[in-house]
């Protein structure tokens, strides 16, 4: 189980294709991960015009014990 105390940031990307490829690689190798998506169009961030195209930021975390293996498998 990943918690804030035992996780490590694997990468940050704005590409949905890249985060999907990383997630697939981690899942195939049975490495637990967590994806935090930050979207500037979230109502809590004070953006008034919600009709614009929003760019999401994806932060991928893995367990700190799996970090080196995950980094190798995803070529980061």
Protein backbone atom coordinates (compact mmCIF):
# COMPACT_ATOMS: atom_id res chain seq x y z
CA UNK A 1 0.00 0.00 0.00
CA UNK A 2 1.31 3.41 -0.94
CA UNK A 3 1.15 6.18 1.61
CA UNK A 4 2.65 9.64 1.72
CA UNK A 5 5.35 8.26 4.03
CA UNK A 6 6.58 5.38 1.85
CA UNK A 7 6.17 6.69 -1.69
CA UNK A 8 8.65 8.35 -4.02
CA UNK A 9 7.96 10.49 -7.06
CA UNK A 10 8.84 8.58 -10.22
CA UNK A 11 8.02 11.29 -12.74
CA UNK A 12 5.95 14.33 -13.66
CA UNK A 13 4.52 14.60 -17.16
CA UNK A 14 1.95 16.62 -19.08
CA UNK A 15 1.50 13.88 -21.70
CA UNK A 16 -1.42 11.52 -21.27
CA UNK A 17 0.27 9.07 -23.67
CA UNK A 18 3.50 9.04 -21.64
CA UNK A 19 1.74 8.55 -18.32
CA UNK A 20 -0.33 5.74 -19.85
CA UNK A 21 2.81 4.03 -21.17
CA UNK A 22 4.49 4.31 -17.75
CA UNK A 23 1.39 2.98 -15.98
CA UNK A 24 1.21 0.02 -18.38
CA UNK A 25 4.87 -0.81 -17.79
CA UNK A 26 4.44 -0.64 -14.01
CA UNK A 27 1.28 -2.76 -14.10
CA UNK A 28 2.89 -5.42 -16.32
CA UNK A 29 5.72 -5.73 -13.80
CA UNK A 30 3.35 -5.69 -10.82
CA UNK A 31 4.77 -2.53 -9.30
CA UNK A 32 2.16 -0.64 -7.28
CA UNK A 33 1.80 3.00 -8.29
CA UNK A 34 -0.34 6.04 -7.69
CA UNK A 35 -1.16 8.80 -10.19
CA UNK A 36 -2.02 12.28 -8.97
CA UNK A 37 -3.64 14.41 -11.68
CA UNK A 38 -3.62 18.18 -11.37
CA UNK A 39 -5.97 19.95 -13.74
CA UNK A 40 -5.97 23.76 -13.86
CA UNK A 41 -9.70 23.68 -14.71
CA UNK A 42 -10.60 22.26 -11.31
CA UNK A 43 -13.17 24.60 -9.74
CA UNK A 44 -11.11 24.92 -6.55
CA UNK A 45 -8.19 26.51 -8.41
CA UNK A 46 -10.09 29.69 -9.26
CA UNK A 47 -10.26 29.28 -13.04
CA UNK A 48 -13.31 31.13 -14.31
CA UNK A 49 -13.48 30.01 -17.96
CA UNK A 50 -14.01 26.24 -17.88
CA UNK A 51 -14.58 25.93 -21.64
CA UNK A 52 -10.90 26.22 -22.56
CA UNK A 53 -8.75 23.17 -23.22
CA UNK A 54 -7.05 22.21 -20.00
CA UNK A 55 -3.62 20.67 -19.71
CA UNK A 56 -3.34 18.15 -16.92
CA UNK A 57 -0.19 17.42 -14.99
CA UNK A 58 0.37 13.80 -13.96
CA UNK A 59 2.58 12.91 -11.01
CA UNK A 60 3.37 9.20 -10.74
CA UNK A 61 4.46 7.75 -7.40
CA UNK A 62 5.84 4.30 -6.56
CA UNK A 63 6.89 2.69 -3.31
CA UNK A 64 10.36 3.88 -2.35
CA UNK A 65 11.59 0.25 -2.30
CA UNK A 66 10.43 -0.19 -5.93
CA UNK A 67 11.80 3.13 -7.18
CA UNK A 68 15.04 1.91 -8.82
CA UNK A 69 13.30 -1.01 -10.52
CA UNK A 70 10.48 1.25 -11.75
CA UNK A 71 12.96 3.84 -13.01
CA UNK A 72 14.83 1.14 -14.96
CA UNK A 73 11.68 -0.42 -16.42
CA UNK A 74 10.25 2.89 -17.58
CA UNK A 75 13.57 4.20 -18.97
CA UNK A 76 13.47 7.39 -16.90
